[in-house]
C-alpha atoms as a PDB file:
ATOM      1  CA  MET A   1      99.417 137.176  77.430  1.00  0.00           C
ATOM      2  CA  GLU A   2     103.014 135.959  77.571  1.00  0.00           C
ATOM      3  CA  SER A   3     105.569 138.095  79.387  1.00  0.00           C
ATOM      4  CA  SER A   4     108.857 139.147  77.813  1.00  0.00           C
ATOM      5  CA  SER A   5     110.728 137.289  80.591  1.00  0.00           C
ATOM      6  CA  ALA A   6     108.946 134.036  79.720  1.00  0.00           C
ATOM      7  CA  LYS A   7     109.925 134.306  76.043  1.00  0.00           C
ATOM      8  CA  ASN A   8     113.649 134.682  76.777  1.00  0.00           C
ATOM      9  CA  LEU A   9     113.994 132.577  79.918  1.00  0.00           C
ATOM     10  CA  GLY A  10     114.846 129.312  78.168  1.00  0.00           C
ATOM     11  CA  ALA A  11     117.019 130.855  75.432  1.00  0.00           C
ATOM     12  CA  ARG A  12     120.278 130.382  77.386  1.00  0.00           C
ATOM     13  CA  ALA A  13     119.984 126.590  77.842  1.00  0.00           C
ATOM     14  CA  PRO A  14     122.763 124.395  76.364  1.00  0.00           C
ATOM     15  CA  PRO A  15     121.764 122.365  73.270  1.00  0.00           C
ATOM     16  CA  ARG A  16     121.848 119.060  75.191  1.00  0.00           C
ATOM     17  CA  LEU A  17     119.035 120.339  77.418  1.00  0.00           C
ATOM     18  CA  GLN A  18     116.946 121.509  74.465  1.00  0.00           C
ATOM     19  CA  ALA A  19     114.461 118.605  74.630  1.00  0.00           C
ATOM     20  CA  ALA A  20     113.855 119.000  78.365  1.00  0.00           C
ATOM     21  CA  ARG A  21     113.550 122.761  78.018  1.00  0.00           C
ATOM     22  CA  ASP A  22     111.061 122.549  75.149  1.00  0.00           C
ATOM     23  CA  SER A  23     108.694 120.057  76.779  1.00  0.00           C
ATOM     24  CA  PRO A  24     105.204 121.490  77.407  1.00  0.00           C
ATOM     25  CA  LYS A  25     105.576 121.001  81.170  1.00  0.00           C
ATOM     26  CA  SER A  26     108.904 122.879  81.255  1.00  0.00           C
ATOM     27  CA  GLN A  27     107.559 125.698  79.084  1.00  0.00           C
ATOM     28  CA  ASP A  28     104.576 126.099  81.413  1.00  0.00           C
ATOM     29  CA  LEU A  29     106.902 126.218  84.427  1.00  0.00           C
ATOM     30  CA  PHE A  30     109.152 128.822  82.776  1.00  0.00           C
ATOM     31  CA  ARG A  31     106.103 130.977  81.963  1.00  0.00           C
ATOM     32  CA  ARG A  32     104.782 130.787  85.527  1.00  0.00           C
ATOM     33  CA  MET A  33     108.161 131.650  87.071  1.00  0.00           C
ATOM     34  CA  ALA A  34     108.555 134.611  84.706  1.00  0.00           C
ATOM     35  CA  LEU A  35     104.996 135.738  85.468  1.00  0.00           C
ATOM     36  CA  VAL A  36     105.807 135.778  89.197  1.00  0.00           C
ATOM     37  CA  ASP A  37     108.823 137.997  88.475  1.00  0.00           C
ATOM     38  CA  ASP A  38     106.681 140.352  86.376  1.00  0.00           C
ATOM     39  CA  LEU A  39     103.998 140.499  89.082  1.00  0.00           C
ATOM     40  CA  LEU A  40     106.644 141.369  91.667  1.00  0.00           C
ATOM     41  CA  ASP A  41     107.754 144.296  89.499  1.00  0.00           C
ATOM     42  CA  ASP A  42     104.146 145.582  89.494  1.00  0.00           C
ATOM     43  CA  ILE A  43     104.071 145.948  93.304  1.00  0.00           C
ATOM     44  CA  THR A  44     104.394 149.628  94.150  1.00  0.00           C
ATOM     45  CA  ASP A  45     105.356 149.273  97.814  1.00  0.00           C
ATOM     46  CA  PRO A  46     109.184 148.814  97.766  1.00  0.00           C
ATOM     47  CA  GLU A  47     109.324 147.203 101.230  1.00  0.00           C
ATOM     48  CA  LEU A  48     106.650 144.611 100.390  1.00  0.00           C
ATOM     49  CA  ARG A  49     108.257 143.930  96.975  1.00  0.00           C
ATOM     50  CA  ALA A  50     111.677 143.351  98.614  1.00  0.00           C
ATOM     51  CA  ARG A  51     110.206 141.031 101.280  1.00  0.00           C
ATOM     52  CA  LEU A  52     108.289 138.979  98.699  1.00  0.00           C
ATOM     53  CA  ARG A  53     111.310 138.773  96.379  1.00  0.00           C
ATOM     54  CA  GLU A  54     113.460 137.541  99.284  1.00  0.00           C
ATOM     55  CA  GLN A  55     110.958 134.795 100.164  1.00  0.00           C
ATOM     56  CA  ILE A  56     110.526 133.712  96.528  1.00  0.00           C
ATOM     57  CA  THR A  57     114.310 133.549  96.113  1.00  0.00           C
ATOM     58  CA  ALA A  58     114.513 131.323  99.213  1.00  0.00           C
ATOM     59  CA  LEU A  59     111.816 129.042  97.767  1.00  0.00           C
ATOM     60  CA  ARG A  60     113.682 128.788  94.470  1.00  0.00           C
ATOM     61  CA  ARG A  61     116.854 127.791  96.303  1.00  0.00           C
ATOM     62  CA  GLU A  62     115.042 125.004  98.173  1.00  0.00           C
ATOM     63  CA  LYS A  63     112.871 123.743  95.312  1.00  0.00           C
ATOM     64  CA  LYS A  64     114.663 122.519  92.216  1.00  0.00           C
ATOM     65  CA  PHE A  65     112.933 123.323  88.942  1.00  0.00           C
ATOM     66  CA  GLY A  66     113.655 121.729  85.583  1.00  0.00           C
ATOM     67  CA  LEU A  67     116.320 119.034  85.269  1.00  0.00           C
ATOM     68  CA  VAL A  68     117.095 117.817  88.807  1.00  0.00           C
ATOM     69  CA  PHE A  69     120.121 115.827  89.945  1.00  0.00           C
ATOM     70  CA  GLU A  70     119.450 114.566  93.452  1.00  0.00           C
ATOM     71  CA  HIS A  71     122.232 114.630  96.019  1.00  0.00           C
ATOM     72  CA  HIS A  72     122.740 111.308  97.774  1.00  0.00           C
ATOM     73  CA  LEU A  73     125.169 109.490  99.990  1.00  0.00           C
ATOM     74  CA  PRO A  74     128.012 107.694  98.244  1.00  0.00           C
ATOM     75  CA  GLU A  75     127.142 104.168  97.246  1.00  0.00           C
ATOM     76  CA  LEU A  76     128.755 101.557  99.464  1.00  0.00           C
ATOM     77  CA  LEU A  77     129.203  97.828  98.977  1.00  0.00           C
ATOM     78  CA  CYS A  78     129.554  95.416 101.917  1.00  0.00           C
ATOM     79  CA  ILE A  79     132.117  92.653 101.504  1.00  0.00           C
ATOM     80  CA  HIS A  80     131.059  90.366 104.341  1.00  0.00           C
ATOM     81  CA  ASP A  81     133.647  87.588 104.061  1.00  0.00           C
ATOM     82  CA  ALA A  82     136.682  89.839 103.644  1.00  0.00           C
ATOM     83  CA  ARG A  83     139.390  89.925 106.314  1.00  0.00           C
ATOM     84  CA  ILE A  84     139.488  93.098 108.445  1.00  0.00           C
ATOM     85  CA  TYR A  85     142.872  94.867 108.206  1.00  0.00           C
ATOM     86  CA  ARG A  86     144.458  98.161 109.347  1.00  0.00           C
ATOM     87  CA  ARG A  87     143.320 101.278 107.464  1.00  0.00           C
ATOM     88  CA  ALA A  88     140.284  99.393 106.083  1.00  0.00           C
ATOM     89  CA  ARG A  89     136.921 101.147 105.772  1.00  0.00           C
ATOM     90  CA  VAL A  90     134.364  99.176 107.805  1.00  0.00           C
ATOM     91  CA  ALA A  91     130.768  99.402 108.993  1.00  0.00           C
ATOM     92  CA  ARG A  92     128.949  97.620 111.781  1.00  0.00           C
ATOM     93  CA  ARG A  93     126.971  94.602 110.587  1.00  0.00           C
ATOM     94  CA  ASN A  94     124.010  95.576 112.755  1.00  0.00           C
ATOM     95  CA  GLY A  95     124.259  99.332 112.133  1.00  0.00           C
ATOM     96  CA  THR A  96     123.645 101.591 109.178  1.00  0.00           C
ATOM     97  CA  ILE A  97     125.972 101.194 106.216  1.00  0.00           C
ATOM     98  CA  GLY A  98     126.303 104.994 106.031  1.00  0.00           C
ATOM     99  CA  GLN A  99     128.161 105.119 109.365  1.00  0.00           C
ATOM    100  CA  THR A 100     131.660 104.023 108.376  1.00  0.00           C
ATOM    101  CA  TYR A 101     134.882 103.733 110.351  1.00  0.00           C
ATOM    102  CA  ILE A 102     138.594 103.421 109.573  1.00  0.00           C
ATOM    103  CA  VAL A 103     140.423 100.643 111.414  1.00  0.00           C
ATOM    104  CA  ASP A 104     143.389 102.147 113.269  1.00  0.00           C
ATOM    105  CA  GLU A 105     144.544  99.099 115.202  1.00  0.00           C
ATOM    106  CA  LEU A 106     143.779  95.392 115.538  1.00  0.00           C
ATOM    107  CA  ARG A 107     143.872  93.882 119.047  1.00  0.00           C
ATOM    108  CA  GLY A 108     143.191  90.156 119.042  1.00  0.00           C
ATOM    109  CA  ARG A 109     139.481  89.757 118.248  1.00  0.00           C
ATOM    110  CA  SER A 110     138.700  93.455 118.373  1.00  0.00           C
ATOM    111  CA  ALA A 111     139.613  96.607 116.468  1.00  0.00           C
ATOM    112  CA  ILE A 112     140.070 100.251 117.390  1.00  0.00           C
ATOM    113  CA  CYS A 113     138.041 102.194 114.812  1.00  0.00           C
ATOM    114  CA  ARG A 114     137.861 105.918 114.131  1.00  0.00           C
ATOM    115  CA  PRO A 115     134.542 107.276 112.719  1.00  0.00           C
ATOM    116  CA  GLU A 116     135.096 108.646 109.205  1.00  0.00           C
ATOM    117  CA  GLY A 117     133.024 111.723 109.935  1.00  0.00           C
ATOM    118  CA  GLY A 118     135.168 112.542 112.955  1.00  0.00           C
ATOM    119  CA  GLY A 119     134.785 111.688 116.599  1.00  0.00           C
ATOM    120  CA  ASP A 120     136.355 109.576 119.293  1.00  0.00           C
ATOM    121  CA  PRO A 121     137.760 106.129 118.430  1.00  0.00           C
ATOM    122  CA  VAL A 122     135.647 103.139 119.452  1.00  0.00           C
ATOM    123  CA  GLN A 123     136.539  99.522 120.153  1.00  0.00           C
ATOM    124  CA  CYS A 124     134.525  96.960 118.154  1.00  0.00           C
ATOM    125  CA  GLU A 125     134.560  93.188 117.988  1.00  0.00           C
ATOM    126  CA  LEU A 126     135.823  91.951 114.593  1.00  0.00           C
ATOM    127  CA  ALA A 127     132.739  89.710 114.302  1.00  0.00           C
ATOM    128  CA  GLU A 128     130.454  92.762 114.273  1.00  0.00           C
ATOM    129  CA  LEU A 129     132.382  94.580 111.487  1.00  0.00           C
ATOM    130  CA  THR A 130     132.312  94.183 107.728  1.00  0.00           C
ATOM    131  CA  ILE A 131     134.524  95.721 105.044  1.00  0.00           C
ATOM    132  CA  VAL A 132     132.804  98.343 102.876  1.00  0.00           C
ATOM    133  CA  LYS A 133     133.990  99.805  99.580  1.00  0.00           C
ATOM    134  CA  ARG A 134     132.860 103.043  97.990  1.00  0.00           C
ATOM    135  CA  PHE A 135     131.657 103.084  94.410  1.00  0.00           C
ATOM    136  CA  GLY A 136     134.724 103.130  92.167  1.00  0.00           C
ATOM    137  CA  GLU A 137     137.149 101.572  94.672  1.00  0.00           C
ATOM    138  CA  PRO A 138     138.732  98.330  93.466  1.00  0.00           C
ATOM    139  CA  VAL A 139     137.202  95.092  94.691  1.00  0.00           C
ATOM    140  CA  PHE A 140     139.330  92.022  94.097  1.00  0.00           C
ATOM    141  CA  PRO A 141     137.209  88.902  93.647  1.00  0.00           C
ATOM    142  CA  THR A 142     138.278  85.627  95.163  1.00  0.00           C
ATOM    143  CA  VAL A 143     137.362  82.056  94.376  1.00  0.00           C
ATOM    144  CA  THR A 144     135.887  80.161  97.302  1.00  0.00           C
ATOM    145  CA  PRO A 145     135.518  76.392  96.835  1.00  0.00           C
ATOM    146  CA  VAL A 146     131.973  75.329  97.615  1.00  0.00           C
ATOM    147  CA  ASN A 147     131.988  71.634  96.734  1.00  0.00           C
ATOM    148  CA  THR A 148     133.980  69.102  94.730  1.00  0.00           C
ATOM    149  CA  ILE A 149     133.074  66.020  92.764  1.00  0.00           C
ATOM    150  CA  THR A 150     135.955  63.633  92.093  1.00  0.00           C
ATOM    151  CA  ARG A 151     135.582  61.223  89.163  1.00  0.00           C
ATOM    152  CA  GLY A 152     138.524  59.668  87.422  1.00  0.00           C
ATOM    153  CA  GLY A 153     142.153  60.289  88.136  1.00  0.00           C
ATOM    154  CA  SER A 154     144.261  63.381  88.441  1.00  0.00           C
ATOM    155  CA  ASP A 155     145.097  63.245  84.711  1.00  0.00           C
ATOM    156  CA  VAL A 156     141.410  63.664  83.681  1.00  0.00           C
ATOM    157  CA  PRO A 157     140.455  67.234  82.691  1.00  0.00           C
ATOM    158  CA  HIS A 158     138.328  69.053  85.251  1.00  0.00           C
ATOM    159  CA  HIS A 159     135.483  71.500  84.784  1.00  0.00           C
ATOM    160  CA  VAL A 160     135.081  74.579  86.921  1.00  0.00           C
ATOM    161  CA  LEU A 161     131.838  76.466  87.516  1.00  0.00           C
ATOM    162  CA  ILE A 162     132.371  80.082  88.496  1.00  0.00           C
ATOM    163  CA  GLU A 163     129.435  82.271  89.398  1.00  0.00           C
ATOM    164  CA  ALA A 164     130.066  85.946  88.642  1.00  0.00           C
ATOM    165  CA  ASP A 165     128.495  88.940  86.939  1.00  0.00           C
ATOM    166  CA  GLY A 166     129.198  89.329  83.225  1.00  0.00           C
ATOM    167  CA  ILE A 167     131.906  91.970  82.922  1.00  0.00           C
ATOM    168  CA  VAL A 168     133.555  90.947  86.216  1.00  0.00           C
ATOM    169  CA  ARG A 169     133.925  87.400  84.924  1.00  0.00           C
ATOM    170  CA  VAL A 170     135.211  88.558  81.532  1.00  0.00           C
ATOM    171  CA  ASN A 171     137.790  90.936  83.027  1.00  0.00           C
ATOM    172  CA  TRP A 172     138.930  88.461  85.653  1.00  0.00           C
ATOM    173  CA  LEU A 173     139.178  85.228  83.693  1.00  0.00           C
ATOM    174  CA  GLU A 174     139.930  86.112  80.095  1.00  0.00           C
ATOM    175  CA  PRO A 175     143.244  87.473  78.818  1.00  0.00           C
ATOM    176  CA  PRO A 176     142.792  91.013  77.419  1.00  0.00           C
ATOM    177  CA  GLY A 177     141.174  90.942  73.979  1.00  0.00           C
ATOM    178  CA  GLU A 178     140.215  87.235  74.089  1.00  0.00           C
ATOM    179  CA  VAL A 179     136.582  86.827  75.089  1.00  0.00           C
ATOM    180  CA  SER A 180     135.042  83.457  74.349  1.00  0.00           C
END
């Protein structure tokens, strides 16, 4: 027998979630959750009912049901060959990428860095730091010569091989609207 709560539980979902809501697995989950609520209402002892409802509510807060979007750390990209500069976000090369610092001051071959999460500044050797960028921050590509082959004179046309990902190469090399 289906409870009245189970019938109406999914009725408030936005249209874009209709497919996920109507899947057999989701419908079974909605029915079970509604059945638990109905069973709680059948408990005659008010103190026991309140204690059980409190614990079930805590479980529902911890366990995500239905469409789940996981929380995660921001995505970071290491730019190993970039020059360290003041106010740059950096991480230690031998540490975790999640522990980031802001460079406050450069002193010769070392830097005074302040942890982004708060804390006391630390002094780090520049060789042990790398620039990191968060997802969405601009990254400006650079061309680094790897090798050259010289044939002919300076008036002979040259060919250039550039290794880059698709859209980065298109945006960087081509004038707007002219993709070859």
